[in-house]
C-alpha cells in the first residue's frame, strides 16, 4: 500500500530534523525516514559527544578517572539520543519510519524497513539529508579492534595509553588535544604539511606551537606503512625516512568524510550528483528534479551542523511558502575548531579574495591578544590573535579569523559585520566590556583607523585606482 505525504525527509540529522519539525509545525504531513540513530552525526558521533569530551578534558585533574570521563561522554550521548528519538515519535504531523530509503521514481521512495519488509511512499517534495560517513584508510597489519573513527570513538570505555591520530584537520586536532589532556600519549601523522591547513597559514603556526607545548608528537608529509601487532608498533614513511611509533593502543582515522548518496538510487531517477561535490542544487537547495531537495553534507556548500540547519530552514521556507521572496544566496557560514585555543573563521577564503580584489585594495589587520588585550595578559595567553582582511577606505570586512579562547563565540560578531556590511568605522564606536578577549575587535578597528584616517586622501586615490582593477 502506498501512502502519500506532502514531504518526505530522508535522514534524521540536524538538517533533516529542521525540515521535518518546521513543516510539521506548519501543518504539512511529513514522512521522516532514518535507518540508524535519530540525531544524525551531531547527536551520535559528532558535535555532542566530541564537545562533551572536550569540556570534560578541559576540567580534568590528575586525581580524576579518565575511564569515567569516557563513560560519561557515552552516557550523555545516549541520553540525548533516547530523548530525541522519543520526541520524533510524537512530533506533530510527522510520521517517523525506521528504515533505509531508495528512490523508485522521482517522487516515490521505497523503504527497507528496520522491522522487516518494504514500504513504498510518495510525496510532492523529497528532501535528501543523509549526511556523510568517515573516510577510511587501510593500514597493513592494523587489526579492526585497534582502529577508530568518529563512529566508534565515543563508545570507548577505557582510556588508551597511546592514541595515534591520522590526519591534521578539525576532528583530528580536537580529539588529539582532548585525549592528551585526559592523560593519553598522543601522536599525530598526516599527509598535510602542517595542521589545520583549511585556515590561513598563521593558524598552522600557532597550532603547531600548541601541539608541541602540550607534548603531542606530530609528523607531517607522512603516510602509514604497516602495523606490527605483536610489537604494537606502527611504521610510518616520511619521504625516505622510516619512523617507528611504539606501544600503540588505538589508531583514530580522521582524514575526511564521504557523502552518503550511493545507495539512494539517484541515477535511476535523474538526480544529478557527484561523489566529490554531492547533489547539484541551486541556491534554494533544489536539485535538477523539481521538488527534490538536498541539504547538509550531501551538498557542495555545507559541512557543518549549523550550515545544515541553515539550509534546512531555507528549504522549509521554500517548500511551505514558495511565493515568498528568499535571498538568492545562501548565508555565509562561519566555522570553528574546538582545539586549544579555539580557531574560528568567517568570510571569503584567501583564494576568493585574490580572485575578486586587487591586492592593493585589501588591508590586513592583526591584533595579538597577548600584547594588545588586558584579558590576554591576565589569563596568561601565549598564543592568540584576530586577523581581519578589510577593504581600504571603506572598512568593509571580507574575512576574519580568530585564534583565542571562546573564538567560536567571538566569530559571530564578524559574521554579523560581514553579512550586514558593518564597517570598521562603526565598530570603532562600539563599547566592549573590560577586560575581554572580544575587546580585540576594537583594537582591530583602532589599528585600521590609525592607518587610514591620517592618509585619507592617499587611501581615496588608491581605492579609486584599484577598486575595479580585478
Protein backbone atom coordinates (compact mmCIF):
# COMPACT_ATOMS: atom_id res chain seq x y z
CA UNK A 1 0.00 0.00 0.00
CA UNK A 2 1.38 3.42 -0.99
CA UNK A 3 0.95 6.38 1.32
CA UNK A 4 1.20 9.93 0.04
CA UNK A 5 2.76 12.78 2.01
CA UNK A 6 3.36 16.45 1.48
CA UNK A 7 7.11 15.95 2.05
CA UNK A 8 9.46 13.02 2.62
CA UNK A 9 12.62 13.78 4.60
CA UNK A 10 15.41 11.19 4.33
CA UNK A 11 17.79 11.42 7.27
CA UNK A 12 17.12 12.47 10.88
CA UNK A 13 20.20 14.62 11.44
CA UNK A 14 20.31 18.34 12.10
CA UNK A 15 19.16 19.43 8.64
CA UNK A 16 16.50 16.77 8.25
CA UNK A 17 15.14 17.43 11.73
CA UNK A 18 14.83 21.15 10.95
CA UNK A 19 12.73 20.46 7.85
CA UNK A 20 10.56 17.77 9.44
CA UNK A 21 9.82 19.83 12.55
CA UNK A 22 9.35 23.03 10.57
CA UNK A 23 6.92 21.61 8.04
CA UNK A 24 5.10 19.56 10.68
CA UNK A 25 4.51 22.67 12.77
CA UNK A 26 3.09 24.35 9.66
CA UNK A 27 0.51 21.60 9.28
CA UNK A 28 2.21 19.65 6.47
CA UNK A 29 2.16 15.86 6.55
CA UNK A 30 5.77 14.66 6.66
CA UNK A 31 7.33 11.20 6.38
CA UNK A 32 10.61 11.19 8.32
CA UNK A 33 12.93 8.29 7.48
CA UNK A 34 16.03 7.18 9.40
CA UNK A 35 17.86 3.87 9.26
CA UNK A 36 20.36 4.42 12.05
CA UNK A 37 20.02 6.75 15.03
CA UNK A 38 17.89 9.86 15.38
CA UNK A 39 20.06 12.97 15.67
CA UNK A 40 22.48 12.05 12.90
CA UNK A 41 26.18 12.75 13.22
CA UNK A 42 25.75 15.70 15.58
CA UNK A 43 24.00 13.85 18.39
CA UNK A 44 25.63 10.47 17.97
CA UNK A 45 29.16 10.70 16.62
CA UNK A 46 29.95 14.39 16.21
CA UNK A 47 29.22 17.66 17.98
CA UNK A 48 27.51 16.42 21.15
CA UNK A 49 29.91 13.66 22.22
CA UNK A 50 33.03 15.44 20.98
CA UNK A 51 32.23 18.71 22.74
CA UNK A 52 31.24 16.80 25.89
CA UNK A 53 34.65 15.11 25.79
CA UNK A 54 36.42 18.43 25.19
CA UNK A 55 34.56 20.03 28.11
CA UNK A 56 35.38 17.16 30.47
CA UNK A 57 39.01 17.16 29.35
CA UNK A 58 39.28 20.90 30.00
CA UNK A 59 38.36 20.35 33.63
CA UNK A 60 40.27 17.08 34.10
CA UNK A 61 42.61 16.76 37.08
CA UNK A 62 45.26 14.07 37.74
CA UNK A 63 43.21 12.64 40.62
CA UNK A 64 40.23 12.02 38.33
CA UNK A 65 39.48 8.79 36.47
CA UNK A 66 39.85 9.15 32.69
CA UNK A 67 37.83 5.99 32.03
CA UNK A 68 34.91 7.55 33.87
CA UNK A 69 35.18 10.62 31.65
CA UNK A 70 34.83 8.47 28.52
CA UNK A 71 31.87 6.65 30.02
CA UNK A 72 30.22 9.96 30.90
CA UNK A 73 30.54 11.03 27.25
CA UNK A 74 28.73 7.86 26.16
CA UNK A 75 26.08 8.27 28.86
CA UNK A 76 25.25 11.86 27.89
CA UNK A 77 25.23 10.98 24.18
CA UNK A 78 22.87 8.05 24.74
CA UNK A 79 20.57 10.09 26.99
CA UNK A 80 20.16 12.81 24.38
CA UNK A 81 19.69 10.25 21.60
CA UNK A 82 16.92 8.50 23.57
CA UNK A 83 15.22 11.83 24.31
CA UNK A 84 15.31 12.93 20.66
CA UNK A 85 14.10 9.53 19.44
CA UNK A 86 11.10 9.66 21.76
CA UNK A 87 10.32 13.25 20.70
CA UNK A 88 10.46 12.32 17.00
CA UNK A 89 7.88 9.59 17.51
CA UNK A 90 5.42 12.16 18.87
CA UNK A 91 6.08 15.10 16.56
CA UNK A 92 3.05 16.90 15.23
CA UNK A 93 2.06 15.83 11.67
CA UNK A 94 5.25 13.75 11.33
CA UNK A 95 5.27 10.01 10.61
CA UNK A 96 8.59 8.53 11.72
CA UNK A 97 9.69 5.48 9.73
CA UNK A 98 12.72 3.42 10.73
CA UNK A 99 14.44 2.05 7.65
CA UNK A 100 16.62 2.74 4.64
CA UNK A 101 15.27 4.77 1.73
CA UNK A 102 15.83 4.46 -2.01
CA UNK A 103 14.22 6.31 -4.93
CA UNK A 104 11.98 4.10 -7.06
CA UNK A 105 10.62 7.11 -9.02
CA UNK A 106 11.29 10.87 -8.91
CA UNK A 107 8.61 11.33 -6.21
CA UNK A 108 8.46 7.79 -4.86
CA UNK A 109 10.57 6.20 -2.12
CA UNK A 110 10.94 2.51 -1.33
CA UNK A 111 11.93 1.79 2.28
CA UNK A 112 13.67 -1.31 3.61
CA UNK A 113 12.02 -1.32 7.00
CA UNK A 114 14.14 -1.98 10.07
CA UNK A 115 11.38 -4.25 11.33
CA UNK A 116 11.48 -6.24 8.09
CA UNK A 117 9.70 -5.97 4.76
CA UNK A 118 9.38 -3.00 2.42
CA UNK A 119 7.11 0.02 2.10
CA UNK A 120 6.55 2.49 -0.72
CA UNK A 121 5.53 6.09 -0.13
CA UNK A 122 5.16 9.12 -2.37
CA UNK A 123 5.30 12.87 -1.80
CA UNK A 124 5.10 16.22 -3.52
CA UNK A 125 8.57 17.05 -2.16
CA UNK A 126 11.54 14.94 -1.12
CA UNK A 127 14.45 16.25 0.96
CA UNK A 128 17.74 14.34 0.96
CA UNK A 129 19.58 14.82 4.26
CA UNK A 130 21.58 11.61 4.55
CA UNK A 131 24.83 13.14 5.83
CA UNK A 132 28.28 11.63 5.50
CA UNK A 133 30.50 8.92 6.95
CA UNK A 134 34.21 8.82 7.79
CA UNK A 135 36.71 8.18 5.03
CA UNK A 136 38.66 5.04 5.87
CA UNK A 137 42.35 4.23 5.50
CA UNK A 138 43.74 0.71 5.30
CA UNK A 139 46.97 0.20 7.20
CA UNK A 140 48.60 -3.17 6.58
CA UNK A 141 48.50 -5.30 9.72
CA UNK A 142 46.33 -2.93 11.78
CA UNK A 143 43.52 -5.00 13.33
CA UNK A 144 39.98 -3.71 13.42
CA UNK A 145 39.91 -3.72 17.23
CA UNK A 146 42.65 -1.09 17.30
CA UNK A 147 41.04 1.09 14.62
CA UNK A 148 38.76 4.00 15.48
CA UNK A 149 36.74 6.55 13.53
CA UNK A 150 34.38 9.15 14.94
CA UNK A 151 31.67 6.47 14.55
CA UNK A 152 33.34 4.24 17.16
CA UNK A 153 35.46 6.66 19.19
CA UNK A 154 32.71 7.67 21.59
CA UNK A 155 31.92 4.08 22.53
CA UNK A 156 35.35 3.67 24.14
CA UNK A 157 35.08 2.52 27.74
CA UNK A 158 38.77 2.74 28.64
CA UNK A 159 41.35 5.43 28.00
CA UNK A 160 44.09 4.30 25.59
CA UNK A 161 47.62 4.74 26.88
CA UNK A 162 48.83 5.78 23.42
CA UNK A 163 46.46 7.14 20.77
CA UNK A 164 47.68 7.72 17.21
CA UNK A 165 45.60 10.17 15.18
CA UNK A 166 45.70 10.03 11.39
CA UNK A 167 45.02 13.50 9.99
CA UNK A 168 45.65 17.12 10.92
CA UNK A 169 42.24 18.66 10.31
CA UNK A 170 39.44 19.74 12.62
CA UNK A 171 38.38 16.37 14.08
CA UNK A 172 41.99 15.20 14.35
CA UNK A 173 43.16 18.26 16.28
CA UNK A 174 40.13 18.45 18.56
CA UNK A 175 40.50 14.84 19.63
CA UNK A 176 44.28 14.98 19.89
CA UNK A 177 44.10 17.86 22.38
CA UNK A 178 41.23 16.29 24.35
CA UNK A 179 42.85 12.87 24.75
CA UNK A 180 46.18 14.45 25.65
CA UNK A 181 44.50 16.43 28.44
CA UNK A 182 42.94 13.19 29.69
CA UNK A 183 46.40 11.71 30.09
CA UNK A 184 46.91 9.69 26.93
CA UNK A 185 50.12 9.85 24.95
CA UNK A 186 49.15 11.23 21.54
CA UNK A 187 50.91 11.02 18.19
CA UNK A 188 49.63 12.73 15.04
CA UNK A 189 50.67 11.99 11.47
CA UNK A 190 49.26 13.36 8.22
CA UNK A 191 50.00 13.87 4.55
CA UNK A 192 49.42 17.58 5.16
CA UNK A 193 52.48 19.76 5.61
CA UNK A 194 51.03 21.49 8.69
CA UNK A 195 47.95 21.38 10.95
CA UNK A 196 44.58 22.97 10.07
CA UNK A 197 45.51 23.93 6.52
CA UNK A 198 41.91 24.89 5.72
CA UNK A 199 42.58 28.09 7.68
CA UNK A 200 45.03 30.88 6.89
CA UNK A 201 48.75 29.96 7.32
CA UNK A 202 49.07 31.94 10.55
CA UNK A 203 46.77 29.40 12.22
CA UNK A 204 49.09 26.49 11.45
CA UNK A 205 52.00 28.33 13.02
CA UNK A 206 50.14 28.90 16.29
CA UNK A 207 48.63 25.41 16.41
CA UNK A 208 52.00 23.75 15.88
CA UNK A 209 53.38 25.67 18.85
CA UNK A 210 50.44 24.49 20.95
CA UNK A 211 50.87 20.91 19.76
CA UNK A 212 54.48 20.98 20.90
CA UNK A 213 53.60 22.71 24.16
CA UNK A 214 51.03 20.01 25.00
CA UNK A 215 53.57 17.25 24.39
CA UNK A 216 51.88 15.84 21.29
CA UNK A 217 54.23 14.31 18.73
CA UNK A 218 53.39 15.28 15.15
CA UNK A 219 54.74 14.06 11.81
CA UNK A 220 53.72 15.84 8.59
CA UNK A 221 54.14 14.80 4.98
CA UNK A 222 53.87 11.26 6.34
CA UNK A 223 51.98 8.07 5.45
CA UNK A 224 51.41 4.78 7.26
CA UNK A 225 53.44 1.84 6.05
CA UNK A 226 52.42 -1.04 8.32
CA UNK A 227 51.45 -2.12 11.82
CA UNK A 228 53.14 -4.91 13.77
CA UNK A 229 50.52 -6.29 16.14
CA UNK A 230 52.96 -8.41 18.17
CA UNK A 231 55.18 -5.39 18.88
CA UNK A 232 52.30 -2.87 18.89
CA UNK A 233 54.43 -0.74 16.57
CA UNK A 234 53.23 1.48 13.73
CA UNK A 235 55.73 2.16 10.96
CA UNK A 236 55.42 5.50 9.19
CA UNK A 237 57.04 6.69 5.97
CA UNK A 238 58.22 10.31 5.79
CA UNK A 239 59.98 10.72 2.45
CA UNK A 240 62.91 8.32 2.56
CA UNK A 241 62.75 8.07 6.34
CA UNK A 242 61.04 5.31 8.31
CA UNK A 243 59.59 6.21 11.71
CA UNK A 244 58.67 3.65 14.36
CA UNK A 245 55.80 4.60 16.69
CA UNK A 246 55.78 2.15 19.58
CA UNK A 247 53.26 0.89 22.14
CA UNK A 248 50.23 1.96 20.10
CA UNK A 249 46.84 1.10 21.63
CA UNK A 250 44.41 2.75 19.22
CA UNK A 251 44.56 4.48 15.85
CA UNK A 252 41.93 7.15 15.10
CA UNK A 253 41.32 7.71 11.38
CA UNK A 254 40.29 11.35 10.83
CA UNK A 255 41.05 12.10 7.19
CA UNK A 256 37.76 13.41 5.87
CA UNK A 257 34.20 12.42 5.06
CA UNK A 258 32.31 10.63 2.27
CA UNK A 259 28.74 11.65 1.37
CA UNK A 260 26.03 9.04 1.91
CA UNK A 261 24.50 9.06 -1.56
CA UNK A 262 25.42 5.84 -3.37
CA UNK A 263 22.55 3.72 -2.06
CA UNK A 264 19.73 6.20 -2.78
CA UNK A 265 19.24 5.27 -6.45
CA UNK A 266 19.61 8.88 -7.60
CA UNK A 267 20.88 7.90 -11.07
CA UNK A 268 17.74 5.91 -11.83
CA UNK A 269 15.52 8.96 -11.32
CA UNK A 270 17.82 11.50 -12.94
CA UNK A 271 19.05 13.45 -9.90
CA UNK A 272 22.48 14.86 -10.75
CA UNK A 273 25.24 14.21 -8.22
CA UNK A 274 28.96 13.50 -7.97
CA UNK A 275 30.92 11.81 -5.21
CA UNK A 276 33.27 14.79 -4.89
CA UNK A 277 30.72 17.62 -4.81
CA UNK A 278 27.46 15.92 -3.80
CA UNK A 279 23.99 16.67 -5.16
CA UNK A 280 23.90 19.56 -7.64
CA UNK A 281 21.47 22.08 -6.13
CA UNK A 282 20.54 25.69 -6.77
CA UNK A 283 20.80 28.37 -4.09
CA UNK A 284 17.42 27.26 -2.71
CA UNK A 285 18.59 23.67 -2.20
CA UNK A 286 16.57 22.23 -5.11
CA UNK A 287 18.13 19.64 -7.42
CA UNK A 288 17.63 19.38 -11.17
CA UNK A 289 14.44 17.42 -10.43
CA UNK A 290 11.68 19.81 -9.34
CA UNK A 291 10.57 19.12 -5.78
CA UNK A 292 13.68 17.09 -4.88
CA UNK A 293 15.95 18.95 -2.45
CA UNK A 294 19.24 18.26 -0.70
CA UNK A 295 20.73 19.77 2.45
CA UNK A 296 23.73 19.29 4.70
CA UNK A 297 26.79 17.17 3.98
CA UNK A 298 25.35 15.86 0.70
CA UNK A 299 25.57 19.35 -0.87
CA UNK A 300 28.67 21.19 -2.13
CA UNK A 301 28.38 24.08 0.34
CA UNK A 302 27.67 22.53 3.74
CA UNK A 303 29.99 20.59 6.04
CA UNK A 304 28.75 21.60 9.49
CA UNK A 305 25.73 21.11 11.72
CA UNK A 306 24.94 24.82 11.72
CA UNK A 307 25.10 25.08 7.93
CA UNK A 308 22.86 22.02 7.53
CA UNK A 309 20.42 23.64 9.94
CA UNK A 310 20.52 26.91 7.97
CA UNK A 311 19.91 25.08 4.70
CA UNK A 312 17.04 23.21 6.33
CA UNK A 313 15.38 26.50 7.27
CA UNK A 314 15.75 27.79 3.70
CA UNK A 315 14.27 24.62 2.22
CA UNK A 316 11.42 24.67 4.73
CA UNK A 317 10.52 28.21 3.69
CA UNK A 318 10.89 27.36 0.01
CA UNK A 319 8.59 24.34 0.27
CA UNK A 320 5.98 25.86 2.59
CA UNK A 321 5.91 29.40 1.18
CA UNK A 322 7.18 29.27 -2.43
CA UNK A 323 5.52 32.63 -3.16
CA UNK A 324 7.57 34.46 -0.52
CA UNK A 325 10.92 36.03 -1.53
CA UNK A 326 14.01 34.20 -0.35
CA UNK A 327 17.56 35.54 -0.52
CA UNK A 328 19.15 34.23 -3.70
CA UNK A 329 22.43 33.47 -1.98
CA UNK A 330 22.96 31.19 0.99
CA UNK A 331 24.12 32.96 4.16
CA UNK A 332 27.83 32.88 4.92
CA UNK A 333 28.81 30.03 7.19
CA UNK A 334 31.35 30.59 9.96
CA UNK A 335 33.22 27.57 11.23
CA UNK A 336 35.13 26.74 14.38
CA UNK A 337 37.63 24.20 15.64
CA UNK A 338 37.36 23.48 19.36
CA UNK A 339 41.07 22.97 19.87
CA UNK A 340 43.18 24.72 22.50
CA UNK A 341 42.95 27.61 21.80
CA UNK A 342 39.86 27.58 19.62
CA UNK A 343 40.07 28.64 15.98
CA UNK A 344 37.20 30.24 14.06
CA UNK A 345 36.83 31.91 10.70
CA UNK A 346 34.21 33.53 8.50
CA UNK A 347 34.07 35.29 5.17
CA UNK A 348 35.91 34.86 1.90
CA UNK A 349 38.84 32.49 1.58
CA UNK A 350 42.23 33.86 0.64
CA UNK A 351 41.79 32.41 -2.84
CA UNK A 352 38.40 34.11 -3.24
CA UNK A 353 39.83 37.43 -2.07
CA UNK A 354 42.70 37.17 -4.56
CA UNK A 355 40.29 36.36 -7.40
CA UNK A 356 37.96 39.26 -6.64
CA UNK A 357 40.17 42.09 -5.37
CA UNK A 358 43.45 43.68 -6.35
CA UNK A 359 45.95 43.04 -3.52
CA UNK A 360 46.42 46.78 -3.05
CA UNK A 361 42.75 47.10 -2.16
CA UNK A 362 42.97 44.83 0.91
CA UNK A 363 44.28 45.88 4.30
CA UNK A 364 45.17 43.10 6.72
CA UNK A 365 44.98 43.94 10.42
CA UNK A 366 46.43 41.60 13.04
CA UNK A 367 45.88 42.00 16.78
CA UNK A 368 47.88 39.69 19.05
CA UNK A 369 45.71 39.17 22.10
CA UNK A 370 48.64 38.65 24.46
CA UNK A 371 50.09 42.06 23.65
CA UNK A 372 47.00 44.14 22.87
CA UNK A 373 44.30 42.98 25.30
CA UNK A 374 44.49 43.05 29.08
CA UNK A 375 42.44 39.84 29.18
CA UNK A 376 45.22 38.14 27.25
CA UNK A 377 47.64 39.39 29.91
CA UNK A 378 45.51 38.44 32.94
CA UNK A 379 44.84 34.95 31.57
CA UNK A 380 48.46 34.33 30.61
CA UNK A 381 47.53 33.71 26.98
CA UNK A 382 50.59 32.71 24.97
CA UNK A 383 49.14 32.26 21.51
CA UNK A 384 46.11 34.03 20.11
CA UNK A 385 45.17 36.66 17.57
CA UNK A 386 42.45 38.26 15.49
CA UNK A 387 43.19 38.77 11.80
CA UNK A 388 40.83 40.80 9.64
CA UNK A 389 41.01 41.50 5.90
CA UNK A 390 39.11 44.68 5.02
CA UNK A 391 38.76 46.96 2.02
CA UNK A 392 40.87 50.07 2.27
CA UNK A 393 39.00 53.37 2.66
CA UNK A 394 35.56 51.77 3.28
CA UNK A 395 36.49 49.48 6.17
CA UNK A 396 34.22 46.74 4.83
CA UNK A 397 35.29 43.38 6.29
CA UNK A 398 35.68 40.49 3.86
CA UNK A 399 37.35 37.92 6.11
CA UNK A 400 38.10 37.33 9.79
CA UNK A 401 39.99 34.61 11.66
CA UNK A 402 40.13 34.37 15.44
CA UNK A 403 42.51 32.18 17.44
CA UNK A 404 41.57 32.57 21.07
CA UNK A 405 39.67 31.12 23.99
CA UNK A 406 35.98 31.42 23.01
CA UNK A 407 36.85 32.08 19.36
CA UNK A 408 33.71 30.12 18.44
CA UNK A 409 31.67 32.77 20.26
CA UNK A 410 33.61 35.81 19.07
CA UNK A 411 33.33 34.87 15.37
CA UNK A 412 29.57 35.52 15.36
CA UNK A 413 30.27 39.24 15.70
CA UNK A 414 32.24 39.15 12.44
CA UNK A 415 29.55 37.04 10.77
CA UNK A 416 27.07 39.82 11.53
CA UNK A 417 29.51 42.53 10.43
CA UNK A 418 30.19 40.88 7.07
CA UNK A 419 26.54 39.99 6.43
CA UNK A 420 25.25 43.46 7.28
CA UNK A 421 28.27 45.30 5.86
CA UNK A 422 29.10 46.93 9.21
CA UNK A 423 32.34 48.80 8.61
CA UNK A 424 35.30 49.10 10.94
CA UNK A 425 34.36 52.79 11.32
CA UNK A 426 31.13 51.79 13.05
CA UNK A 427 32.84 49.06 15.05
CA UNK A 428 35.30 51.67 16.31
CA UNK A 429 32.43 53.45 18.06
CA UNK A 430 31.19 50.39 19.94
CA UNK A 431 31.94 49.88 23.64
CA UNK A 432 33.15 46.49 24.87
CA UNK A 433 33.13 45.05 28.41
CA UNK A 434 36.51 45.17 30.11
CA UNK A 435 38.56 43.07 30.22
CA UNK A 436 37.52 40.64 27.47
CA UNK A 437 39.10 38.85 24.54
CA UNK A 438 36.41 40.36 22.33
CA UNK A 439 37.85 43.81 23.02
CA UNK A 440 40.47 42.72 20.48
CA UNK A 441 37.80 43.56 17.90
CA UNK A 442 38.01 47.19 19.00
CA UNK A 443 41.78 47.03 18.61
CA UNK A 444 41.30 45.86 15.02
CA UNK A 445 39.19 48.96 14.36
CA UNK A 446 41.76 51.14 16.18
CA UNK A 447 44.61 49.87 14.04
CA UNK A 448 42.61 50.21 10.83
CA UNK A 449 41.58 53.81 11.50
CA UNK A 450 45.07 54.70 12.67
CA UNK A 451 46.41 53.64 9.28
CA UNK A 452 43.54 55.11 7.26
CA UNK A 453 42.49 58.49 8.64
CA UNK A 454 45.88 60.27 8.64
CA UNK A 455 46.26 59.25 4.98
CA UNK A 456 42.66 59.63 3.86
CA UNK A 457 43.38 61.27 0.50
CA UNK A 458 46.01 58.68 -0.34
CA UNK A 459 43.52 55.97 0.64
CA UNK A 460 40.83 57.52 -1.57
CA UNK A 461 43.14 57.61 -4.59
CA UNK A 462 44.24 54.01 -4.01
CA UNK A 463 40.63 52.89 -3.61
CA UNK A 464 39.57 54.53 -6.87
CA UNK A 465 42.61 53.15 -8.65
CA UNK A 466 42.28 49.54 -7.56
CA UNK A 467 38.56 49.06 -6.86
CA UNK A 468 37.77 47.87 -10.36
CA UNK A 469 41.23 46.54 -11.24
CA UNK A 470 40.16 42.92 -10.94
